[in-house]
Amino acid sequence: MVSESIISVQVCYMAPEIQFLKTLQIKRGATLQQAIQISGLLEEVAGLDLSHVKVGIYSRIKAMDTVLKANDRVEVYRPLQVDPMVARRTRANKK
């Protein structure tokens, strides 16, 4: 039986060169930042600096000190290469 003080969360990061998805069992009350550090993502992805990326839970941007709930999926987002509005205009102008 799993203790009520332990919750399960996932940490994910996707990039062309790496797909990282890890399920963790962490203490209730852990923050988004703590889950990322415990997951090993920072060791797996060289040069990933949490101070320069956005993070969220289920596609909603959150602060690093957000307290996690059971079954949350922590997502670490890559910076956009091109603004989506600019990309749409460029495609529309080509047609």
N, C-alpha and C. Protein backbone atom coordinates (compact mmCIF):
# COMPACT_ATOMS: atom_id res chain seq x y z
N MET A 1 0.84 -1.19 0.00
CA MET A 1 0.00 0.00 0.00
C MET A 1 0.88 1.25 0.00
N VAL A 2 0.55 2.19 -0.86
CA VAL A 2 1.33 3.43 -0.97
C VAL A 2 0.90 4.38 0.14
N SER A 3 1.86 4.96 0.78
CA SER A 3 1.58 5.91 1.85
C SER A 3 0.87 7.13 1.29
N GLU A 4 -0.03 7.71 2.08
CA GLU A 4 -0.75 8.91 1.65
C GLU A 4 0.17 10.11 1.57
N SER A 5 1.37 10.01 2.13
CA SER A 5 2.30 11.13 2.06
C SER A 5 3.16 11.07 0.79
N ILE A 6 2.96 10.07 -0.04
CA ILE A 6 3.69 9.92 -1.29
C ILE A 6 2.71 10.05 -2.46
N ILE A 7 3.09 10.84 -3.46
CA ILE A 7 2.26 10.97 -4.66
C ILE A 7 3.07 10.60 -5.90
N SER A 8 2.38 10.28 -6.95
CA SER A 8 3.01 9.94 -8.22
C SER A 8 2.84 11.12 -9.19
N VAL A 9 3.93 11.54 -9.82
CA VAL A 9 3.90 12.60 -10.84
C VAL A 9 4.81 12.19 -11.99
N GLN A 10 4.62 12.82 -13.13
CA GLN A 10 5.51 12.60 -14.28
C GLN A 10 6.24 13.89 -14.59
N VAL A 11 7.46 13.75 -15.06
CA VAL A 11 8.25 14.88 -15.55
C VAL A 11 8.57 14.59 -17.01
N CYS A 12 8.27 15.55 -17.90
CA CYS A 12 8.56 15.30 -19.31
C CYS A 12 9.21 16.52 -19.97
N TYR A 13 10.02 16.20 -20.96
CA TYR A 13 10.72 17.20 -21.78
C TYR A 13 10.89 16.58 -23.15
N MET A 14 10.54 17.31 -24.17
CA MET A 14 10.67 16.78 -25.53
C MET A 14 11.47 17.77 -26.37
N ALA A 15 12.39 17.24 -27.13
CA ALA A 15 13.19 18.01 -28.07
C ALA A 15 13.51 17.07 -29.23
N PRO A 16 13.95 17.60 -30.36
CA PRO A 16 14.26 16.71 -31.48
C PRO A 16 15.27 15.61 -31.13
N GLU A 17 16.20 15.92 -30.26
CA GLU A 17 17.26 14.96 -29.95
C GLU A 17 16.98 14.10 -28.72
N ILE A 18 15.96 14.44 -27.93
CA ILE A 18 15.69 13.68 -26.71
C ILE A 18 14.22 13.73 -26.34
N GLN A 19 13.74 12.60 -25.87
CA GLN A 19 12.39 12.50 -25.32
C GLN A 19 12.56 11.96 -23.90
N PHE A 20 12.21 12.77 -22.94
CA PHE A 20 12.40 12.42 -21.54
C PHE A 20 11.03 12.33 -20.87
N LEU A 21 10.72 11.20 -20.28
CA LEU A 21 9.47 11.01 -19.54
C LEU A 21 9.77 10.08 -18.38
N LYS A 22 9.59 10.58 -17.18
CA LYS A 22 9.89 9.77 -16.00
C LYS A 22 8.77 9.93 -14.97
N THR A 23 8.33 8.81 -14.44
CA THR A 23 7.33 8.82 -13.38
C THR A 23 8.06 8.75 -12.05
N LEU A 24 7.68 9.63 -11.14
CA LEU A 24 8.33 9.73 -9.84
C LEU A 24 7.34 9.48 -8.71
N GLN A 25 7.85 8.96 -7.63
CA GLN A 25 7.10 8.87 -6.38
C GLN A 25 7.77 9.89 -5.45
N ILE A 26 7.05 10.96 -5.14
CA ILE A 26 7.63 12.03 -4.33
C ILE A 26 6.73 12.34 -3.14
N LYS A 27 7.28 13.07 -2.20
CA LYS A 27 6.53 13.44 -1.01
C LYS A 27 5.44 14.46 -1.36
N ARG A 28 4.29 14.29 -0.76
CA ARG A 28 3.21 15.27 -0.91
C ARG A 28 3.75 16.62 -0.43
N GLY A 29 3.46 17.68 -1.15
CA GLY A 29 3.97 19.00 -0.81
C GLY A 29 5.20 19.39 -1.60
N ALA A 30 5.72 18.48 -2.43
CA ALA A 30 6.89 18.79 -3.27
C ALA A 30 6.49 19.82 -4.34
N THR A 31 7.46 20.62 -4.73
CA THR A 31 7.21 21.65 -5.74
C THR A 31 7.61 21.16 -7.13
N LEU A 32 7.19 21.93 -8.09
CA LEU A 32 7.53 21.66 -9.48
C LEU A 32 9.05 21.59 -9.65
N GLN A 33 9.77 22.53 -9.09
CA GLN A 33 11.23 22.56 -9.20
C GLN A 33 11.86 21.33 -8.56
N GLN A 34 11.37 20.92 -7.41
CA GLN A 34 11.92 19.74 -6.75
C GLN A 34 11.72 18.49 -7.59
N ALA A 35 10.56 18.36 -8.22
CA ALA A 35 10.30 17.19 -9.07
C ALA A 35 11.26 17.15 -10.25
N ILE A 36 11.52 18.30 -10.85
CA ILE A 36 12.44 18.36 -11.99
C ILE A 36 13.84 17.95 -11.54
N GLN A 37 14.28 18.46 -10.40
CA GLN A 37 15.62 18.12 -9.90
C GLN A 37 15.73 16.64 -9.55
N ILE A 38 14.73 16.08 -8.91
CA ILE A 38 14.75 14.67 -8.52
C ILE A 38 14.71 13.75 -9.75
N SER A 39 14.05 14.20 -10.81
CA SER A 39 13.86 13.35 -12.00
C SER A 39 15.16 13.01 -12.73
N GLY A 40 16.19 13.84 -12.58
CA GLY A 40 17.43 13.62 -13.31
C GLY A 40 17.45 14.29 -14.67
N LEU A 41 16.43 15.07 -14.98
CA LEU A 41 16.36 15.75 -16.28
C LEU A 41 17.54 16.68 -16.50
N LEU A 42 17.93 17.41 -15.48
CA LEU A 42 19.02 18.39 -15.64
C LEU A 42 20.35 17.70 -15.95
N GLU A 43 20.53 16.48 -15.48
CA GLU A 43 21.74 15.73 -15.81
C GLU A 43 21.63 15.11 -17.21
N GLU A 44 20.44 14.76 -17.60
CA GLU A 44 20.19 14.12 -18.90
C GLU A 44 20.32 15.10 -20.07
N VAL A 45 19.87 16.35 -19.86
CA VAL A 45 19.87 17.35 -20.93
C VAL A 45 20.92 18.41 -20.59
N ALA A 46 22.06 18.29 -21.22
CA ALA A 46 23.16 19.23 -20.97
C ALA A 46 22.74 20.65 -21.37
N GLY A 47 23.05 21.60 -20.52
CA GLY A 47 22.79 23.00 -20.83
C GLY A 47 21.37 23.47 -20.56
N LEU A 48 20.53 22.62 -20.04
CA LEU A 48 19.16 23.03 -19.72
C LEU A 48 19.20 23.89 -18.45
N ASP A 49 18.79 25.13 -18.59
CA ASP A 49 18.84 26.09 -17.47
C ASP A 49 17.41 26.45 -17.09
N LEU A 50 16.99 26.02 -15.93
CA LEU A 50 15.61 26.24 -15.50
C LEU A 50 15.25 27.71 -15.35
N SER A 51 16.25 28.57 -15.20
CA SER A 51 15.96 30.00 -15.07
C SER A 51 15.59 30.63 -16.42
N HIS A 52 15.80 29.89 -17.52
CA HIS A 52 15.51 30.44 -18.85
C HIS A 52 14.43 29.67 -19.62
N VAL A 53 13.76 28.75 -18.96
CA VAL A 53 12.70 28.01 -19.65
C VAL A 53 11.40 28.14 -18.87
N LYS A 54 10.30 27.92 -19.58
CA LYS A 54 9.00 27.91 -18.93
C LYS A 54 8.66 26.48 -18.55
N VAL A 55 7.92 26.35 -17.49
CA VAL A 55 7.47 25.04 -17.04
C VAL A 55 5.98 25.11 -16.75
N GLY A 56 5.35 23.95 -16.77
CA GLY A 56 3.92 23.95 -16.51
C GLY A 56 3.43 22.58 -16.10
N ILE A 57 2.13 22.53 -15.89
CA ILE A 57 1.44 21.28 -15.58
C ILE A 57 0.29 21.16 -16.57
N TYR A 58 0.30 20.09 -17.34
CA TYR A 58 -0.74 19.86 -18.35
C TYR A 58 -0.99 21.10 -19.21
N SER A 59 0.07 21.62 -19.82
CA SER A 59 0.02 22.73 -20.78
C SER A 59 -0.36 24.08 -20.19
N ARG A 60 -0.34 24.20 -18.90
CA ARG A 60 -0.61 25.49 -18.25
C ARG A 60 0.67 25.94 -17.54
N ILE A 61 1.16 27.11 -17.92
CA ILE A 61 2.39 27.65 -17.34
C ILE A 61 2.20 27.83 -15.83
N LYS A 62 3.19 27.38 -15.08
CA LYS A 62 3.16 27.48 -13.62
C LYS A 62 4.50 27.99 -13.11
N ALA A 63 4.50 28.49 -11.90
CA ALA A 63 5.74 28.94 -11.24
C ALA A 63 6.48 27.73 -10.68
N MET A 64 7.77 27.86 -10.52
CA MET A 64 8.60 26.77 -10.01
C MET A 64 8.21 26.34 -8.60
N ASP A 65 7.61 27.24 -7.83
CA ASP A 65 7.25 26.89 -6.45
C ASP A 65 5.83 26.33 -6.32
N THR A 66 5.21 26.00 -7.44
CA THR A 66 3.87 25.41 -7.42
C THR A 66 3.94 24.03 -6.75
N VAL A 67 3.05 23.80 -5.81
CA VAL A 67 2.99 22.51 -5.11
C VAL A 67 2.24 21.52 -6.00
N LEU A 68 2.82 20.35 -6.17
CA LEU A 68 2.24 19.33 -7.05
C LEU A 68 1.15 18.53 -6.37
N LYS A 69 0.23 18.03 -7.20
CA LYS A 69 -0.83 17.14 -6.73
C LYS A 69 -0.60 15.77 -7.37
N ALA A 70 -1.25 14.78 -6.84
CA ALA A 70 -1.12 13.42 -7.37
C ALA A 70 -1.46 13.40 -8.85
N ASN A 71 -0.66 12.69 -9.64
CA ASN A 71 -0.85 12.46 -11.07
C ASN A 71 -0.64 13.69 -11.94
N ASP A 72 0.00 14.74 -11.42
CA ASP A 72 0.34 15.90 -12.26
C ASP A 72 1.42 15.49 -13.25
N ARG A 73 1.40 16.11 -14.43
CA ARG A 73 2.46 15.92 -15.42
C ARG A 73 3.22 17.25 -15.52
N VAL A 74 4.43 17.26 -15.04
CA VAL A 74 5.30 18.43 -15.09
C VAL A 74 5.92 18.49 -16.47
N GLU A 75 5.76 19.63 -17.14
CA GLU A 75 6.29 19.78 -18.49
C GLU A 75 7.30 20.91 -18.52
N VAL A 76 8.45 20.63 -19.09
CA VAL A 76 9.50 21.64 -19.26
C VAL A 76 9.48 22.00 -20.74
N TYR A 77 9.23 23.28 -21.03
CA TYR A 77 9.04 23.72 -22.42
C TYR A 77 10.32 24.30 -23.00
N ARG A 78 10.53 23.99 -24.26
CA ARG A 78 11.67 24.58 -24.99
C ARG A 78 11.28 25.98 -25.46
N PRO A 79 12.26 26.86 -25.63
CA PRO A 79 11.94 28.18 -26.18
C PRO A 79 11.47 28.03 -27.64
N LEU A 80 10.54 28.87 -28.04
CA LEU A 80 10.06 28.83 -29.41
C LEU A 80 11.16 29.29 -30.37
N GLN A 81 11.29 28.60 -31.48
CA GLN A 81 12.26 29.00 -32.50
C GLN A 81 11.71 30.15 -33.34
N VAL A 82 10.39 30.10 -33.58
CA VAL A 82 9.72 31.12 -34.40
C VAL A 82 8.39 31.43 -33.74
N ASP A 83 8.04 32.70 -33.70
CA ASP A 83 6.74 33.11 -33.18
C ASP A 83 5.65 32.47 -34.04
N PRO A 84 4.67 31.79 -33.44
CA PRO A 84 3.62 31.12 -34.22
C PRO A 84 2.86 32.06 -35.17
N MET A 85 2.65 33.30 -34.76
CA MET A 85 1.95 34.26 -35.63
C MET A 85 2.80 34.58 -36.86
N VAL A 86 4.08 34.73 -36.69
CA VAL A 86 4.97 35.01 -37.81
C VAL A 86 5.00 33.81 -38.75
N ALA A 87 5.07 32.61 -38.21
CA ALA A 87 5.08 31.40 -39.03
C ALA A 87 3.80 31.28 -39.85
N ARG A 88 2.65 31.57 -39.24
CA ARG A 88 1.37 31.52 -39.97
C ARG A 88 1.33 32.52 -41.11
N ARG A 89 1.78 33.75 -40.83
CA ARG A 89 1.81 34.77 -41.89
C ARG A 89 2.72 34.36 -43.04
N THR A 90 3.87 33.79 -42.71
CA THR A 90 4.81 33.36 -43.73
C THR A 90 4.19 32.27 -44.60
N ARG A 91 3.53 31.30 -43.99
CA ARG A 91 2.88 30.23 -44.77
C ARG A 91 1.75 30.80 -45.62
N ALA A 92 0.98 31.72 -45.08
CA ALA A 92 -0.13 32.31 -45.83
C ALA A 92 0.38 33.12 -47.02
N ASN A 93 1.49 33.81 -46.84
CA ASN A 93 2.04 34.61 -47.94
C ASN A 93 2.61 33.73 -49.05
N LYS A 94 3.05 32.52 -48.73
CA LYS A 94 3.59 31.61 -49.74
C LYS A 94 2.49 31.06 -50.64
N LYS A 95 1.26 31.00 -50.12
CA LYS A 95 0.13 30.47 -50.90
C LYS A 95 -0.36 31.52 -51.78
